[in-house]
N, C-alpha and C. Protein backbone atom coordinates (compact mmCIF):
# COMPACT_ATOMS: atom_id res chain seq x y z
N MET A 1 -113.94 31.79 2.63
CA MET A 1 -114.02 31.57 4.06
C MET A 1 -112.89 30.65 4.46
N PHE A 2 -112.34 30.93 5.61
CA PHE A 2 -111.50 29.91 6.23
C PHE A 2 -111.81 29.88 7.72
N ILE A 3 -111.61 28.71 8.29
CA ILE A 3 -111.94 28.48 9.69
C ILE A 3 -110.73 27.88 10.39
N GLY A 4 -110.71 27.98 11.70
CA GLY A 4 -109.64 27.38 12.45
C GLY A 4 -109.85 27.56 13.94
N ASN A 5 -108.87 27.10 14.68
CA ASN A 5 -108.86 27.27 16.13
C ASN A 5 -107.83 28.34 16.46
N ILE A 6 -108.21 29.28 17.28
CA ILE A 6 -107.38 30.44 17.58
C ILE A 6 -106.03 30.05 18.18
N ASP A 7 -105.97 28.89 18.84
CA ASP A 7 -104.71 28.45 19.45
C ASP A 7 -103.71 27.93 18.43
N ASN A 8 -104.12 27.78 17.19
CA ASN A 8 -103.23 27.28 16.14
C ASN A 8 -102.74 28.36 15.19
N ILE A 9 -103.03 29.63 15.47
CA ILE A 9 -102.68 30.65 14.49
C ILE A 9 -101.17 30.80 14.30
N ASP A 10 -100.37 30.47 15.28
CA ASP A 10 -98.93 30.56 15.07
C ASP A 10 -98.45 29.51 14.08
N LYS A 11 -99.09 28.35 14.07
CA LYS A 11 -98.76 27.31 13.09
C LYS A 11 -99.29 27.67 11.71
N ASP A 12 -100.53 28.19 11.68
CA ASP A 12 -101.20 28.49 10.42
C ASP A 12 -100.94 29.90 9.93
N GLY A 13 -100.50 30.79 10.82
CA GLY A 13 -100.46 32.21 10.54
C GLY A 13 -99.52 32.67 9.46
N GLY A 14 -98.57 31.85 9.06
CA GLY A 14 -97.65 32.25 8.01
C GLY A 14 -98.34 32.52 6.70
N ASP A 15 -99.51 31.95 6.51
CA ASP A 15 -100.25 32.13 5.27
C ASP A 15 -101.31 33.22 5.37
N PHE A 16 -101.50 33.82 6.54
CA PHE A 16 -102.52 34.83 6.72
C PHE A 16 -102.01 36.20 6.27
N HIS A 17 -102.91 37.00 5.78
CA HIS A 17 -102.60 38.39 5.53
C HIS A 17 -102.22 39.00 6.88
N PRO A 18 -101.22 39.87 6.94
CA PRO A 18 -100.78 40.42 8.23
C PRO A 18 -101.91 41.10 9.02
N VAL A 19 -102.83 41.76 8.34
CA VAL A 19 -103.95 42.41 9.04
C VAL A 19 -104.82 41.35 9.71
N LEU A 20 -105.13 40.28 8.99
CA LEU A 20 -105.96 39.22 9.56
C LEU A 20 -105.24 38.54 10.72
N TYR A 21 -103.95 38.31 10.56
CA TYR A 21 -103.17 37.69 11.65
C TYR A 21 -103.22 38.57 12.90
N SER A 22 -103.10 39.89 12.74
CA SER A 22 -103.10 40.77 13.91
C SER A 22 -104.46 40.74 14.62
N VAL A 23 -105.55 40.63 13.85
CA VAL A 23 -106.87 40.53 14.47
C VAL A 23 -107.00 39.20 15.22
N LEU A 24 -106.56 38.12 14.60
CA LEU A 24 -106.63 36.81 15.26
C LEU A 24 -105.78 36.79 16.53
N GLU A 25 -104.64 37.43 16.49
CA GLU A 25 -103.79 37.52 17.69
C GLU A 25 -104.50 38.32 18.77
N TYR A 26 -105.16 39.40 18.42
CA TYR A 26 -105.95 40.18 19.38
C TYR A 26 -107.04 39.31 20.00
N LEU A 27 -107.75 38.56 19.18
CA LEU A 27 -108.81 37.68 19.70
C LEU A 27 -108.24 36.62 20.64
N ARG A 28 -107.09 36.09 20.28
CA ARG A 28 -106.48 35.04 21.09
C ARG A 28 -106.05 35.55 22.46
N THR A 29 -105.63 36.79 22.54
CA THR A 29 -105.04 37.31 23.77
C THR A 29 -105.98 38.19 24.60
N THR A 30 -107.23 38.31 24.19
CA THR A 30 -108.18 39.15 24.91
C THR A 30 -109.23 38.28 25.59
N ASP A 31 -109.51 38.57 26.86
CA ASP A 31 -110.55 37.87 27.60
C ASP A 31 -111.85 38.66 27.47
N PHE A 32 -112.80 38.12 26.73
CA PHE A 32 -114.05 38.83 26.45
C PHE A 32 -115.17 38.51 27.45
N LYS A 33 -114.92 37.61 28.39
CA LYS A 33 -115.99 37.19 29.31
C LYS A 33 -116.57 38.34 30.13
N ASN A 34 -115.75 39.31 30.48
CA ASN A 34 -116.21 40.42 31.31
C ASN A 34 -116.46 41.70 30.52
N ILE A 35 -116.40 41.62 29.20
CA ILE A 35 -116.70 42.78 28.37
C ILE A 35 -118.18 42.74 28.01
N LEU A 36 -118.87 43.83 28.26
CA LEU A 36 -120.31 43.90 27.99
C LEU A 36 -120.60 43.83 26.50
N ASP A 37 -121.79 43.34 26.16
CA ASP A 37 -122.22 43.34 24.77
C ASP A 37 -122.17 44.76 24.22
N GLY A 38 -121.78 44.86 22.97
CA GLY A 38 -121.73 46.17 22.32
C GLY A 38 -120.65 46.21 21.27
N ALA A 39 -120.51 47.37 20.66
CA ALA A 39 -119.50 47.59 19.62
C ALA A 39 -118.40 48.48 20.18
N TYR A 40 -117.16 48.09 19.95
CA TYR A 40 -116.00 48.79 20.49
C TYR A 40 -114.94 48.94 19.40
N PRO A 41 -114.09 49.95 19.49
CA PRO A 41 -112.95 50.00 18.57
C PRO A 41 -111.89 49.00 19.02
N MET A 42 -111.28 48.33 18.06
CA MET A 42 -110.15 47.45 18.39
C MET A 42 -108.95 48.36 18.66
N PRO A 43 -108.20 48.09 19.75
CA PRO A 43 -107.07 48.96 20.08
C PRO A 43 -106.10 49.13 18.91
N HIS A 44 -105.64 50.35 18.71
CA HIS A 44 -104.64 50.72 17.70
C HIS A 44 -105.14 50.54 16.26
N THR A 45 -106.45 50.43 16.07
CA THR A 45 -107.03 50.31 14.73
C THR A 45 -108.34 51.08 14.70
N ASP A 46 -108.96 51.11 13.53
CA ASP A 46 -110.32 51.65 13.46
C ASP A 46 -111.31 50.52 13.18
N PHE A 47 -110.92 49.28 13.47
CA PHE A 47 -111.79 48.13 13.28
C PHE A 47 -112.87 48.11 14.36
N ILE A 48 -114.02 47.61 13.99
CA ILE A 48 -115.14 47.49 14.93
C ILE A 48 -115.13 46.09 15.52
N VAL A 49 -115.22 46.00 16.85
CA VAL A 49 -115.30 44.73 17.56
C VAL A 49 -116.68 44.67 18.21
N LYS A 50 -117.46 43.66 17.85
CA LYS A 50 -118.80 43.50 18.42
C LYS A 50 -118.82 42.28 19.33
N VAL A 51 -119.16 42.50 20.59
CA VAL A 51 -119.30 41.42 21.56
C VAL A 51 -120.80 41.12 21.66
N GLN A 52 -121.15 39.84 21.50
CA GLN A 52 -122.55 39.45 21.46
C GLN A 52 -122.79 38.23 22.34
N ARG A 53 -123.89 38.28 23.09
CA ARG A 53 -124.35 37.12 23.86
C ARG A 53 -125.77 36.81 23.40
N TYR A 54 -126.02 35.56 23.06
CA TYR A 54 -127.34 35.18 22.56
C TYR A 54 -127.51 33.68 22.67
N LYS A 55 -128.75 33.24 22.49
CA LYS A 55 -129.05 31.81 22.39
C LYS A 55 -129.19 31.46 20.92
N THR A 56 -128.63 30.32 20.54
CA THR A 56 -128.77 29.88 19.16
C THR A 56 -130.23 29.55 18.90
N ARG A 57 -130.56 29.42 17.62
CA ARG A 57 -131.94 29.09 17.23
C ARG A 57 -131.90 28.12 16.05
N PRO A 58 -133.04 27.54 15.70
CA PRO A 58 -133.04 26.61 14.57
C PRO A 58 -132.43 27.29 13.33
N ILE A 59 -131.59 26.56 12.62
CA ILE A 59 -130.86 27.13 11.49
C ILE A 59 -131.80 27.74 10.45
N GLU A 60 -132.98 27.15 10.28
CA GLU A 60 -133.92 27.70 9.29
C GLU A 60 -134.48 29.06 9.72
N ASP A 61 -134.32 29.41 11.00
CA ASP A 61 -134.75 30.73 11.49
C ASP A 61 -133.64 31.79 11.39
N CYS A 62 -132.47 31.38 10.95
CA CYS A 62 -131.33 32.30 10.82
C CYS A 62 -131.27 32.81 9.37
N ARG A 63 -130.99 34.08 9.21
CA ARG A 63 -131.01 34.69 7.88
C ARG A 63 -129.64 34.64 7.22
N PRO A 64 -129.55 34.09 6.01
CA PRO A 64 -128.29 34.14 5.26
C PRO A 64 -127.96 35.60 4.90
N GLU A 65 -126.69 35.94 4.99
CA GLU A 65 -126.26 37.32 4.77
C GLU A 65 -124.90 37.38 4.10
N SER A 66 -124.60 38.52 3.51
CA SER A 66 -123.25 38.79 3.00
C SER A 66 -122.96 40.27 3.18
N HIS A 67 -121.69 40.61 3.06
CA HIS A 67 -121.22 41.98 3.26
C HIS A 67 -120.30 42.36 2.10
N LYS A 68 -120.24 43.63 1.80
CA LYS A 68 -119.35 44.10 0.73
C LYS A 68 -118.14 44.86 1.26
N LYS A 69 -118.33 45.69 2.28
CA LYS A 69 -117.26 46.59 2.74
C LYS A 69 -116.35 45.99 3.79
N PHE A 70 -116.83 44.95 4.47
CA PHE A 70 -116.06 44.41 5.59
C PHE A 70 -115.89 42.90 5.49
N VAL A 71 -114.74 42.43 5.94
CA VAL A 71 -114.50 41.02 6.19
C VAL A 71 -114.95 40.78 7.63
N ASP A 72 -115.75 39.75 7.84
CA ASP A 72 -116.18 39.37 9.19
C ASP A 72 -115.22 38.33 9.74
N ILE A 73 -114.70 38.57 10.92
CA ILE A 73 -113.98 37.53 11.64
C ILE A 73 -114.84 37.21 12.84
N GLN A 74 -115.44 36.02 12.84
CA GLN A 74 -116.35 35.60 13.91
C GLN A 74 -115.63 34.60 14.79
N PHE A 75 -115.63 34.88 16.09
CA PHE A 75 -114.87 34.10 17.07
C PHE A 75 -115.77 33.73 18.24
N VAL A 76 -115.95 32.45 18.47
CA VAL A 76 -116.79 31.97 19.57
C VAL A 76 -115.91 31.78 20.80
N THR A 77 -116.32 32.42 21.92
CA THR A 77 -115.56 32.25 23.16
C THR A 77 -116.25 31.27 24.10
N GLU A 78 -117.59 31.18 24.02
CA GLU A 78 -118.35 30.22 24.83
C GLU A 78 -119.54 29.71 24.03
N GLY A 79 -119.90 28.45 24.25
CA GLY A 79 -121.05 27.86 23.58
C GLY A 79 -120.67 27.28 22.23
N GLU A 80 -121.69 26.85 21.50
CA GLU A 80 -121.49 26.27 20.18
C GLU A 80 -122.61 26.74 19.26
N GLU A 81 -122.26 26.95 18.00
CA GLU A 81 -123.27 27.28 17.02
C GLU A 81 -122.93 26.65 15.68
N VAL A 82 -123.96 26.49 14.87
CA VAL A 82 -123.78 26.03 13.50
C VAL A 82 -123.90 27.25 12.60
N MET A 83 -122.97 27.37 11.67
CA MET A 83 -123.02 28.44 10.68
C MET A 83 -123.18 27.81 9.31
N GLY A 84 -124.24 28.19 8.61
CA GLY A 84 -124.40 27.77 7.24
C GLY A 84 -123.54 28.64 6.34
N TRP A 85 -123.17 28.11 5.17
CA TRP A 85 -122.30 28.84 4.25
C TRP A 85 -122.54 28.39 2.83
N CYS A 86 -122.39 29.30 1.88
CA CYS A 86 -122.29 28.97 0.46
C CYS A 86 -121.62 30.14 -0.25
N PRO A 87 -121.07 29.89 -1.44
CA PRO A 87 -120.48 31.00 -2.19
C PRO A 87 -121.57 31.89 -2.78
N LEU A 88 -121.28 33.16 -2.88
CA LEU A 88 -122.19 34.10 -3.52
C LEU A 88 -122.36 33.70 -4.97
N SER A 89 -123.60 33.66 -5.43
CA SER A 89 -123.86 33.32 -6.83
C SER A 89 -125.16 33.97 -7.28
N PRO A 90 -125.35 34.10 -8.60
CA PRO A 90 -126.60 34.68 -9.12
C PRO A 90 -127.81 33.80 -8.83
N ASP A 91 -127.60 32.54 -8.44
CA ASP A 91 -128.71 31.63 -8.14
C ASP A 91 -129.38 31.94 -6.81
N LEU A 92 -128.73 32.72 -5.95
CA LEU A 92 -129.31 33.04 -4.64
C LEU A 92 -130.40 34.09 -4.80
N LYS A 93 -131.51 33.87 -4.12
CA LYS A 93 -132.63 34.82 -4.16
C LYS A 93 -132.49 35.80 -3.00
N ILE A 94 -132.49 37.07 -3.32
CA ILE A 94 -132.32 38.13 -2.31
C ILE A 94 -133.64 38.37 -1.60
N SER A 95 -133.62 38.38 -0.28
CA SER A 95 -134.82 38.72 0.49
C SER A 95 -134.80 40.18 0.92
N SER A 96 -133.62 40.74 1.16
CA SER A 96 -133.45 42.17 1.45
C SER A 96 -132.21 42.63 0.70
N PRO A 97 -132.37 43.56 -0.25
CA PRO A 97 -131.22 44.00 -1.04
C PRO A 97 -130.13 44.62 -0.17
N TYR A 98 -128.96 44.69 -0.74
CA TYR A 98 -127.81 45.26 -0.05
C TYR A 98 -128.12 46.67 0.44
N ASP A 99 -127.82 46.91 1.72
CA ASP A 99 -127.98 48.22 2.34
C ASP A 99 -126.58 48.75 2.64
N GLU A 100 -126.23 49.80 1.94
CA GLU A 100 -124.87 50.35 2.08
C GLU A 100 -124.59 50.81 3.51
N LYS A 101 -125.58 51.37 4.18
CA LYS A 101 -125.37 51.89 5.54
C LYS A 101 -125.03 50.77 6.53
N THR A 102 -125.75 49.65 6.44
CA THR A 102 -125.51 48.54 7.37
C THR A 102 -124.56 47.49 6.80
N ASP A 103 -124.18 47.64 5.53
CA ASP A 103 -123.28 46.71 4.85
C ASP A 103 -123.76 45.27 4.92
N VAL A 104 -125.03 45.07 4.56
CA VAL A 104 -125.54 43.70 4.58
C VAL A 104 -126.62 43.52 3.51
N ALA A 105 -126.62 42.35 2.90
CA ALA A 105 -127.71 41.88 2.05
C ALA A 105 -128.17 40.57 2.65
N PHE A 106 -129.47 40.29 2.59
CA PHE A 106 -130.02 39.05 3.12
C PHE A 106 -130.60 38.21 1.97
N TYR A 107 -130.55 36.90 2.15
CA TYR A 107 -130.97 35.95 1.12
C TYR A 107 -132.03 35.02 1.70
N LYS A 108 -132.82 34.42 0.81
CA LYS A 108 -133.86 33.49 1.24
C LYS A 108 -133.26 32.17 1.71
N ASP A 109 -132.29 31.66 0.98
CA ASP A 109 -131.67 30.37 1.30
C ASP A 109 -130.22 30.38 0.85
N LEU A 110 -129.49 29.38 1.29
CA LEU A 110 -128.14 29.14 0.81
C LEU A 110 -128.20 27.96 -0.16
N LEU A 111 -127.62 28.14 -1.35
CA LEU A 111 -127.66 27.08 -2.36
C LEU A 111 -126.30 26.90 -2.99
N PRO A 112 -125.63 25.80 -2.83
CA PRO A 112 -125.91 24.73 -1.87
C PRO A 112 -125.42 25.16 -0.49
N GLU A 113 -125.97 24.55 0.53
CA GLU A 113 -125.59 24.93 1.89
C GLU A 113 -124.64 23.92 2.50
N SER A 114 -123.54 24.44 3.02
CA SER A 114 -122.61 23.65 3.83
C SER A 114 -122.71 24.18 5.24
N SER A 115 -122.36 23.38 6.22
CA SER A 115 -122.43 23.80 7.61
C SER A 115 -121.08 23.64 8.29
N VAL A 116 -120.82 24.57 9.19
CA VAL A 116 -119.61 24.56 10.00
C VAL A 116 -120.03 24.71 11.44
N MET A 117 -119.45 23.92 12.33
CA MET A 117 -119.72 24.10 13.75
C MET A 117 -118.61 24.94 14.36
N LEU A 118 -119.03 26.01 15.03
CA LEU A 118 -118.08 26.85 15.74
C LEU A 118 -118.25 26.60 17.23
N SER A 119 -117.20 26.13 17.87
CA SER A 119 -117.20 25.88 19.30
C SER A 119 -116.16 26.81 19.93
N PRO A 120 -116.02 26.79 21.25
CA PRO A 120 -115.11 27.74 21.89
C PRO A 120 -113.71 27.73 21.29
N ARG A 121 -113.22 28.94 21.01
CA ARG A 121 -111.89 29.22 20.49
C ARG A 121 -111.78 28.95 18.99
N ASN A 122 -112.92 28.67 18.33
CA ASN A 122 -112.93 28.54 16.88
C ASN A 122 -113.32 29.86 16.24
N TYR A 123 -112.80 30.09 15.05
CA TYR A 123 -113.12 31.32 14.32
C TYR A 123 -113.45 31.00 12.87
N ALA A 124 -114.14 31.93 12.24
CA ALA A 124 -114.40 31.87 10.80
C ALA A 124 -114.09 33.25 10.23
N VAL A 125 -113.36 33.28 9.13
CA VAL A 125 -113.07 34.53 8.43
C VAL A 125 -113.90 34.50 7.15
N LEU A 126 -114.80 35.48 7.03
CA LEU A 126 -115.79 35.51 5.96
C LEU A 126 -115.57 36.73 5.08
N PHE A 127 -115.37 36.47 3.80
CA PHE A 127 -115.11 37.51 2.82
C PHE A 127 -116.42 37.88 2.10
N PRO A 128 -116.42 38.94 1.28
CA PRO A 128 -117.65 39.35 0.61
C PRO A 128 -118.31 38.29 -0.26
N LEU A 129 -117.59 37.34 -0.75
CA LEU A 129 -118.19 36.29 -1.58
C LEU A 129 -118.66 35.09 -0.74
N ASP A 130 -118.61 35.21 0.58
CA ASP A 130 -119.05 34.16 1.49
C ASP A 130 -120.41 34.53 2.08
N VAL A 131 -121.46 33.87 1.61
CA VAL A 131 -122.78 34.08 2.19
C VAL A 131 -122.87 33.14 3.39
N HIS A 132 -123.26 33.68 4.53
CA HIS A 132 -123.24 32.89 5.76
C HIS A 132 -124.52 33.09 6.56
N ARG A 133 -124.84 32.05 7.33
CA ARG A 133 -126.05 32.03 8.16
C ARG A 133 -125.60 31.68 9.58
N PRO A 134 -125.25 32.70 10.39
CA PRO A 134 -124.74 32.43 11.74
C PRO A 134 -125.86 32.18 12.75
N CYS A 135 -125.48 31.75 13.93
CA CYS A 135 -126.33 31.67 15.13
C CYS A 135 -127.22 30.43 15.19
N GLY A 136 -126.95 29.40 14.41
CA GLY A 136 -127.80 28.23 14.39
C GLY A 136 -127.52 27.25 15.52
N SER A 137 -128.60 26.57 15.94
CA SER A 137 -128.48 25.49 16.94
C SER A 137 -127.95 24.22 16.27
N LEU A 138 -127.32 23.39 17.06
CA LEU A 138 -126.84 22.10 16.57
C LEU A 138 -128.04 21.17 16.39
N ASP A 139 -128.30 20.75 15.18
CA ASP A 139 -129.43 19.88 14.86
C ASP A 139 -130.70 20.41 15.54
N ASP A 140 -131.42 19.55 16.22
CA ASP A 140 -132.64 19.98 16.91
C ASP A 140 -132.42 20.07 18.42
N GLU A 141 -131.16 20.22 18.79
CA GLU A 141 -130.85 20.27 20.22
C GLU A 141 -131.35 21.56 20.86
N GLU A 142 -131.27 21.59 22.16
CA GLU A 142 -131.61 22.80 22.91
C GLU A 142 -130.70 23.94 22.45
N PRO A 143 -131.20 25.15 22.50
CA PRO A 143 -130.35 26.29 22.15
C PRO A 143 -129.12 26.35 23.06
N SER A 144 -128.05 26.83 22.51
CA SER A 144 -126.81 27.00 23.26
C SER A 144 -126.62 28.48 23.56
N GLN A 145 -126.18 28.79 24.76
CA GLN A 145 -125.83 30.17 25.09
C GLN A 145 -124.44 30.43 24.51
N VAL A 146 -124.32 31.46 23.71
CA VAL A 146 -123.07 31.74 23.00
C VAL A 146 -122.56 33.13 23.36
N ILE A 147 -121.25 33.21 23.51
CA ILE A 147 -120.58 34.51 23.52
C ILE A 147 -119.71 34.50 22.26
N LYS A 148 -119.98 35.47 21.39
CA LYS A 148 -119.24 35.55 20.14
C LYS A 148 -118.74 36.97 19.95
N VAL A 149 -117.56 37.06 19.37
CA VAL A 149 -116.96 38.35 19.04
C VAL A 149 -116.82 38.41 17.52
N VAL A 150 -117.31 39.49 16.93
CA VAL A 150 -117.19 39.69 15.49
C VAL A 150 -116.36 40.94 15.26
N VAL A 151 -115.29 40.78 14.51
CA VAL A 151 -114.45 41.94 14.16
C VAL A 151 -114.70 42.25 12.70
N LYS A 152 -114.97 43.52 12.41
CA LYS A 152 -115.23 44.01 11.06
C LYS A 152 -113.96 44.67 10.54
N VAL A 153 -113.34 44.03 9.53
CA VAL A 153 -112.11 44.52 8.94
C VAL A 153 -112.43 45.08 7.55
N PRO A 154 -112.07 46.32 7.27
CA PRO A 154 -112.34 46.86 5.93
C PRO A 154 -111.72 45.98 4.84
N VAL A 155 -112.55 45.61 3.88
CA VAL A 155 -112.12 44.73 2.78
C VAL A 155 -110.91 45.29 2.07
N LYS A 156 -110.89 46.61 1.85
CA LYS A 156 -109.81 47.23 1.08
C LYS A 156 -108.43 47.02 1.71
N LEU A 157 -108.39 46.65 2.99
CA LEU A 157 -107.09 46.40 3.65
C LEU A 157 -106.54 45.01 3.35
N VAL A 158 -107.40 44.09 2.90
CA VAL A 158 -106.93 42.71 2.71
C VAL A 158 -107.16 42.16 1.31
N LEU A 159 -108.00 42.82 0.50
CA LEU A 159 -108.27 42.35 -0.87
C LEU A 159 -108.19 43.52 -1.83
N ASP A 160 -107.78 43.24 -3.06
CA ASP A 160 -107.81 44.29 -4.07
C ASP A 160 -109.14 44.24 -4.83
N ASP A 161 -109.43 45.28 -5.60
CA ASP A 161 -110.71 45.38 -6.31
C ASP A 161 -110.95 44.23 -7.27
N GLU A 162 -109.90 43.73 -7.92
CA GLU A 162 -110.08 42.62 -8.87
C GLU A 162 -110.48 41.34 -8.16
N THR A 163 -109.99 41.13 -6.96
CA THR A 163 -110.32 39.92 -6.20
C THR A 163 -111.79 39.91 -5.82
N LEU A 164 -112.35 41.08 -5.53
CA LEU A 164 -113.72 41.16 -5.07
C LEU A 164 -114.71 40.72 -6.14
N ASN A 165 -114.79 41.44 -7.24
CA ASN A 165 -115.67 41.08 -8.35
C ASN A 165 -117.03 40.57 -7.89
N ILE A 166 -117.73 41.37 -7.09
CA ILE A 166 -119.05 41.01 -6.57
C ILE A 166 -120.09 41.21 -7.65
N PRO A 167 -120.95 40.22 -7.91
CA PRO A 167 -121.98 40.38 -8.93
C PRO A 167 -122.89 41.58 -8.64
N ALA A 168 -123.30 42.26 -9.70
CA ALA A 168 -124.17 43.43 -9.54
C ALA A 168 -125.45 43.06 -8.81
N GLY A 169 -125.92 43.96 -7.96
CA GLY A 169 -127.17 43.74 -7.26
C GLY A 169 -127.07 42.88 -6.01
N GLN A 170 -125.88 42.40 -5.69
CA GLN A 170 -125.77 41.52 -4.52
C GLN A 170 -124.90 42.12 -3.46
C-alpha cells in the first residue's frame, strides 16, 4: 500500500508505475461532485471507476477485505474516513472465502492493524497483499459523509506473477 495527496503526484510520480500515475492524474483532474454514484469506465481504458457516497461507521463494523485481480486506488473527494490495514498473512482468519466473480475475500480481523486517515484529496493504492478495512469513522466521532472514488486497475498491468505470490486459499 502507498498513500498520498493527489496534489503531490507530480513530485512523487516519478516513482509510480505509469499506469498508476495515469489513474492518479485522472483522479486529480476530474470533478466527481456531480457524477452520480455507480460504476463507470475510465476514459480511454477498460478500468472500472466506482463513485460512492456513504456515511462512515465504527471501524469494528467495517469488514477487512482483499482482492486478487485488481489494484484498488481509493480517492476521497469529500469527508474523512479511517482505513484499517495489515499485510496478508496466514494468521488472518477468513470470514468469507475469496469469490472470483466479485474479486474479494473477507476476514474476521486485521492482525496487526494499522490505521490511515483519508481526508479530501488523499488516496490509497492497495495491492493484493494489502488487507484493508475501509469506511471507518474517526474514533467514536459522528459519522462523516464521504464521497469516494475507487478505481479498479487489473493487477497484471502493474505487477508480475512472481511479485504477487498470494498464499493459497486467500
